[in-house]
Amino acid sequence: ALHDSRIQSVVCRQEGGAAMMADCH
């Protein structure tokens, strides 16, 4: 569903890093 969305997917290398990016956001 994201393929057809304007939302950007930021692909991360480890889930802890991804969650910390979301926290910083």
PDB file of all heavy atoms in Angstrom:
ATOM      1  N   ALA A   1       0.830  -1.207   0.000  1.00  0.00           N
ATOM      2  CA  ALA A   1       0.000   0.000   0.000  1.00  0.00           C
ATOM      3  C   ALA A   1       0.864   1.256   0.000  1.00  0.00           C
ATOM      4  O   ALA A   1       0.508   2.275  -0.611  1.00  0.00           O
ATOM      5  CB  ALA A   1      -0.938  -0.009   1.207  1.00  0.00           C
ATOM      6  N   LEU A   2       2.016   1.198   0.652  1.00  0.00           N
ATOM      7  CA  LEU A   2       2.916   2.354   0.662  1.00  0.00           C
ATOM      8  C   LEU A   2       3.494   2.632  -0.724  1.00  0.00           C
ATOM      9  O   LEU A   2       3.880   3.767  -1.023  1.00  0.00           O
ATOM     10  CB  LEU A   2       4.057   2.118   1.652  1.00  0.00           C
ATOM     11  CG  LEU A   2       3.701   2.268   3.137  1.00  0.00           C
ATOM     12  CD1 LEU A   2       4.802   1.672   4.013  1.00  0.00           C
ATOM     13  CD2 LEU A   2       3.462   3.730   3.493  1.00  0.00           C
ATOM     14  N   HIS A   3       3.551   1.616  -1.569  1.00  0.00           N
ATOM     15  CA  HIS A   3       4.090   1.789  -2.923  1.00  0.00           C
ATOM     16  C   HIS A   3       3.343   2.860  -3.690  1.00  0.00           C
ATOM     17  O   HIS A   3       3.934   3.583  -4.515  1.00  0.00           O
ATOM     18  CB  HIS A   3       4.034   0.454  -3.676  1.00  0.00           C
ATOM     19  CG  HIS A   3       4.652   0.493  -5.038  1.00  0.00           C
ATOM     20  ND1 HIS A   3       3.943   0.880  -6.167  1.00  0.00           N
ATOM     21  CD2 HIS A   3       5.910   0.230  -5.458  1.00  0.00           C
ATOM     22  CE1 HIS A   3       4.738   0.835  -7.221  1.00  0.00           C
ATOM     23  NE2 HIS A   3       5.932   0.438  -6.816  1.00  0.00           N
ATOM     24  N   ASP A   4       2.047   3.000  -3.443  1.00  0.00           N
ATOM     25  CA  ASP A   4       1.221   3.976  -4.159  1.00  0.00           C
ATOM     26  C   ASP A   4       0.948   5.225  -3.330  1.00  0.00           C
ATOM     27  O   ASP A   4       0.076   6.027  -3.672  1.00  0.00           O
ATOM     28  CB  ASP A   4      -0.112   3.320  -4.553  1.00  0.00           C
ATOM     29  CG  ASP A   4       0.083   2.108  -5.441  1.00  0.00           C
ATOM     30  OD1 ASP A   4       0.963   2.151  -6.328  1.00  0.00           O
ATOM     31  OD2 ASP A   4      -0.631   1.109  -5.240  1.00  0.00           O
ATOM     32  N   SER A   5       1.673   5.411  -2.236  1.00  0.00           N
ATOM     33  CA  SER A   5       1.428   6.532  -1.332  1.00  0.00           C
ATOM     34  C   SER A   5       2.507   7.590  -1.485  1.00  0.00           C
ATOM     35  O   SER A   5       3.623   7.318  -1.942  1.00  0.00           O
ATOM     36  CB  SER A   5       1.395   6.020   0.117  1.00  0.00           C
ATOM     37  OG  SER A   5       1.364   7.083   1.040  1.00  0.00           O
ATOM     38  N   ARG A   6       2.190   8.813  -1.059  1.00  0.00           N
ATOM     39  CA  ARG A   6       3.178   9.893  -1.031  1.00  0.00           C
ATOM     40  C   ARG A   6       4.113   9.755   0.164  1.00  0.00           C
ATOM     41  O   ARG A   6       5.098  10.487   0.273  1.00  0.00           O
ATOM     42  CB  ARG A   6       2.468  11.248  -0.948  1.00  0.00           C
ATOM     43  CG  ARG A   6       1.580  11.364   0.281  1.00  0.00           C
ATOM     44  CD  ARG A   6       0.984  12.744   0.447  1.00  0.00           C
ATOM     45  NE  ARG A   6       0.061  12.793   1.563  1.00  0.00           N
ATOM     46  CZ  ARG A   6       0.414  12.834   2.838  1.00  0.00           C
ATOM     47  NH1 ARG A   6       1.694  12.808   3.166  1.00  0.00           N
ATOM     48  NH2 ARG A   6      -0.494  12.891   3.790  1.00  0.00           N
ATOM     49  N   ILE A   7       3.823   8.837   1.082  1.00  0.00           N
ATOM     50  CA  ILE A   7       4.645   8.660   2.279  1.00  0.00           C
ATOM     51  C   ILE A   7       5.980   8.040   1.891  1.00  0.00           C
ATOM     52  O   ILE A   7       6.030   7.046   1.160  1.00  0.00           O
ATOM     53  CB  ILE A   7       3.932   7.772   3.306  1.00  0.00           C
ATOM     54  CG1 ILE A   7       2.640   8.433   3.790  1.00  0.00           C
ATOM     55  CG2 ILE A   7       4.844   7.464   4.493  1.00  0.00           C
ATOM     56  CD1 ILE A   7       1.794   7.558   4.688  1.00  0.00           C
ATOM     57  N   GLN A   8       7.071   8.620   2.392  1.00  0.00           N
ATOM     58  CA  GLN A   8       8.406   8.086   2.128  1.00  0.00           C
ATOM     59  C   GLN A   8       8.737   7.003   3.143  1.00  0.00           C
ATOM     60  O   GLN A   8       8.525   7.165   4.335  1.00  0.00           O
ATOM     61  CB  GLN A   8       9.470   9.182   2.215  1.00  0.00           C
ATOM     62  CG  GLN A   8      10.889   8.675   1.990  1.00  0.00           C
ATOM     63  CD  GLN A   8      11.965   9.694   2.326  1.00  0.00           C
ATOM     64  OE1 GLN A   8      11.666  10.742   2.902  1.00  0.00           O
ATOM     65  NE2 GLN A   8      13.201   9.401   1.981  1.00  0.00           N
ATOM     66  N   SER A   9       9.268   5.898   2.659  1.00  0.00           N
ATOM     67  CA  SER A   9       9.753   4.836   3.538  1.00  0.00           C
ATOM     68  C   SER A   9      11.260   4.975   3.693  1.00  0.00           C
ATOM     69  O   SER A   9      11.998   4.897   2.703  1.00  0.00           O
ATOM     70  CB  SER A   9       9.423   3.455   2.958  1.00  0.00           C
ATOM     71  OG  SER A   9       8.030   3.278   2.839  1.00  0.00           O
ATOM     72  N   VAL A  10      11.706   5.205   4.928  1.00  0.00           N
ATOM     73  CA  VAL A  10      13.133   5.274   5.219  1.00  0.00           C
ATOM     74  C   VAL A  10      13.560   3.890   5.711  1.00  0.00           C
ATOM     75  O   VAL A  10      13.163   3.450   6.794  1.00  0.00           O
ATOM     76  CB  VAL A  10      13.442   6.342   6.278  1.00  0.00           C
ATOM     77  CG1 VAL A  10      14.937   6.372   6.587  1.00  0.00           C
ATOM     78  CG2 VAL A  10      12.959   7.714   5.810  1.00  0.00           C
ATOM     79  N   VAL A  11      14.325   3.195   4.889  1.00  0.00           N
ATOM     80  CA  VAL A  11      14.712   1.820   5.196  1.00  0.00           C
ATOM     81  C   VAL A  11      15.950   1.833   6.091  1.00  0.00           C
ATOM     82  O   VAL A  11      16.979   2.401   5.719  1.00  0.00           O
ATOM     83  CB  VAL A  11      14.997   1.026   3.905  1.00  0.00           C
ATOM     84  CG1 VAL A  11      15.296  -0.437   4.237  1.00  0.00           C
ATOM     85  CG2 VAL A  11      13.820   1.127   2.954  1.00  0.00           C
ATOM     86  N   CYS A  12      15.857   1.205   7.252  1.00  0.00           N
ATOM     87  CA  CYS A  12      16.924   1.216   8.241  1.00  0.00           C
ATOM     88  C   CYS A  12      17.610  -0.145   8.303  1.00  0.00           C
ATOM     89  O   CYS A  12      17.167  -1.104   7.680  1.00  0.00           O
ATOM     90  CB  CYS A  12      16.353   1.604   9.606  1.00  0.00           C
ATOM     91  SG  CYS A  12      15.425   3.163   9.576  1.00  0.00           S
ATOM     92  N   ARG A  13      18.682  -0.233   9.082  1.00  0.00           N
ATOM     93  CA  ARG A  13      19.487  -1.446   9.115  1.00  0.00           C
ATOM     94  C   ARG A  13      19.226  -2.310  10.344  1.00  0.00           C
ATOM     95  O   ARG A  13      19.631  -3.464  10.375  1.00  0.00           O
ATOM     96  CB  ARG A  13      20.973  -1.081   9.035  1.00  0.00           C
ATOM     97  CG  ARG A  13      21.339  -0.321   7.757  1.00  0.00           C
ATOM     98  CD  ARG A  13      20.839  -1.052   6.504  1.00  0.00           C
ATOM     99  NE  ARG A  13      21.043  -0.303   5.298  1.00  0.00           N
ATOM    100  CZ  ARG A  13      22.057  -0.508   4.456  1.00  0.00           C
ATOM    101  NH1 ARG A  13      22.955  -1.441   4.705  1.00  0.00           N
ATOM    102  NH2 ARG A  13      22.164   0.220   3.363  1.00  0.00           N
ATOM    103  N   GLN A  14      18.598  -1.764  11.349  1.00  0.00           N
ATOM    104  CA  GLN A  14      18.262  -2.539  12.540  1.00  0.00           C
ATOM    105  C   GLN A  14      17.078  -1.870  13.206  1.00  0.00           C
ATOM    106  O   GLN A  14      16.946  -0.649  13.187  1.00  0.00           O
ATOM    107  CB  GLN A  14      19.457  -2.615  13.496  1.00  0.00           C
ATOM    108  CG  GLN A  14      19.461  -3.820  14.416  1.00  0.00           C
ATOM    109  CD  GLN A  14      18.971  -3.507  15.830  1.00  0.00           C
ATOM    110  OE1 GLN A  14      18.397  -2.450  16.081  1.00  0.00           O
ATOM    111  NE2 GLN A  14      19.191  -4.434  16.754  1.00  0.00           N
ATOM    112  N   GLU A  15      16.195  -2.685  13.780  1.00  0.00           N
ATOM    113  CA  GLU A  15      14.934  -2.154  14.282  1.00  0.00           C
ATOM    114  C   GLU A  15      15.123  -1.172  15.435  1.00  0.00           C
ATOM    115  O   GLU A  15      14.332  -0.224  15.587  1.00  0.00           O
ATOM    116  CB  GLU A  15      14.018  -3.300  14.726  1.00  0.00           C
ATOM    117  CG  GLU A  15      13.498  -4.157  13.592  1.00  0.00           C
ATOM    118  CD  GLU A  15      14.459  -5.281  13.179  1.00  0.00           C
ATOM    119  OE1 GLU A  15      15.557  -5.379  13.792  1.00  0.00           O
ATOM    120  OE2 GLU A  15      14.128  -6.045  12.251  1.00  0.00           O
ATOM    121  N   GLY A  16      16.174  -1.383  16.249  1.00  0.00           N
ATOM    122  CA  GLY A  16      16.439  -0.410  17.312  1.00  0.00           C
ATOM    123  C   GLY A  16      16.748   0.956  16.739  1.00  0.00           C
ATOM    124  O   GLY A  16      16.261   1.982  17.233  1.00  0.00           O
ATOM    125  N   GLY A  17      17.556   0.998  15.675  1.00  0.00           N
ATOM    126  CA  GLY A  17      17.859   2.260  15.013  1.00  0.00           C
ATOM    127  C   GLY A  17      16.623   2.886  14.395  1.00  0.00           C
ATOM    128  O   GLY A  17      16.424   4.107  14.465  1.00  0.00           O
ATOM    129  N   ALA A  18      15.766   2.066  13.798  1.00  0.00           N
ATOM    130  CA  ALA A  18      14.538   2.588  13.192  1.00  0.00           C
ATOM    131  C   ALA A  18      13.636   3.222  14.244  1.00  0.00           C
ATOM    132  O   ALA A  18      13.067   4.305  14.039  1.00  0.00           O
ATOM    133  CB  ALA A  18      13.792   1.462  12.469  1.00  0.00           C
ATOM    134  N   ALA A  19      13.500   2.551  15.400  1.00  0.00           N
ATOM    135  CA  ALA A  19      12.658   3.099  16.466  1.00  0.00           C
ATOM    136  C   ALA A  19      13.251   4.380  17.035  1.00  0.00           C
ATOM    137  O   ALA A  19      12.522   5.317  17.389  1.00  0.00           O
ATOM    138  CB  ALA A  19      12.471   2.057  17.566  1.00  0.00           C
ATOM    139  N   MET A  20      14.586   4.459  17.122  1.00  0.00           N
ATOM    140  CA  MET A  20      15.217   5.679  17.621  1.00  0.00           C
ATOM    141  C   MET A  20      15.053   6.820  16.627  1.00  0.00           C
ATOM    142  O   MET A  20      14.915   7.982  17.026  1.00  0.00           O
ATOM    143  CB  MET A  20      16.682   5.414  17.939  1.00  0.00           C
ATOM    144  CG  MET A  20      16.882   4.505  19.137  1.00  0.00           C
ATOM    145  SD  MET A  20      18.613   4.084  19.445  1.00  0.00           S
ATOM    146  CE  MET A  20      18.412   2.746  20.630  1.00  0.00           C
ATOM    147  N   MET A  21      15.060   6.514  15.328  1.00  0.00           N
ATOM    148  CA  MET A  21      14.771   7.551  14.336  1.00  0.00           C
ATOM    149  C   MET A  21      13.349   8.063  14.507  1.00  0.00           C
ATOM    150  O   MET A  21      13.093   9.280  14.437  1.00  0.00           O
ATOM    151  CB  MET A  21      14.966   7.000  12.926  1.00  0.00           C
ATOM    152  CG  MET A  21      16.406   6.753  12.543  1.00  0.00           C
ATOM    153  SD  MET A  21      16.541   6.268  10.808  1.00  0.00           S
ATOM    154  CE  MET A  21      18.140   5.437  10.836  1.00  0.00           C
ATOM    155  N   ALA A  22      12.410   7.157  14.745  1.00  0.00           N
ATOM    156  CA  ALA A  22      11.023   7.578  14.952  1.00  0.00           C
ATOM    157  C   ALA A  22      10.908   8.432  16.209  1.00  0.00           C
ATOM    158  O   ALA A  22      10.170   9.424  16.238  1.00  0.00           O
ATOM    159  CB  ALA A  22      10.114   6.352  15.040  1.00  0.00           C
ATOM    160  N   ASP A  23      11.646   8.061  17.251  1.00  0.00           N
ATOM    161  CA  ASP A  23      11.662   8.877  18.471  1.00  0.00           C
ATOM    162  C   ASP A  23      12.183  10.273  18.175  1.00  0.00           C
ATOM    163  O   ASP A  23      11.595  11.273  18.604  1.00  0.00           O
ATOM    164  CB  ASP A  23      12.537   8.202  19.525  1.00  0.00           C
ATOM    165  CG  ASP A  23      12.782   9.080  20.735  1.00  0.00           C
ATOM    166  OD1 ASP A  23      13.700   9.933  20.679  1.00  0.00           O
ATOM    167  OD2 ASP A  23      12.071   8.921  21.736  1.00  0.00           O
ATOM    168  N   CYS A  24      13.299  10.369  17.443  1.00  0.00           N
ATOM    169  CA  CYS A  24      13.870  11.679  17.129  1.00  0.00           C
ATOM    170  C   CYS A  24      12.892  12.513  16.311  1.00  0.00           C
ATOM    171  O   CYS A  24      12.759  13.724  16.514  1.00  0.00           O
ATOM    172  CB  CYS A  24      15.194  11.517  16.387  1.00  0.00           C
ATOM    173  SG  CYS A  24      16.004  13.078  15.989  1.00  0.00           S
ATOM    174  N   HIS A  25      12.189  11.867  15.379  1.00  0.00           N
ATOM    175  CA  HIS A  25      11.174  12.551  14.575  1.00  0.00           C
ATOM    176  C   HIS A  25      10.122  13.172  15.503  1.00  0.00           C
ATOM    177  O   HIS A  25       9.779  14.356  15.373  1.00  0.00           O
ATOM    178  CB  HIS A  25      10.523  11.541  13.628  1.00  0.00           C
ATOM    179  CG  HIS A  25       9.526  12.137  12.691  1.00  0.00           C
ATOM    180  ND1 HIS A  25       9.732  12.204  11.331  1.00  0.00           N
ATOM    181  CD2 HIS A  25       8.300  12.689  12.893  1.00  0.00           C
ATOM    182  CE1 HIS A  25       8.690  12.761  10.750  1.00  0.00           C
ATOM    183  NE2 HIS A  25       7.800  13.070  11.685  1.00  0.00           N
TER     184      HIS A  25
END
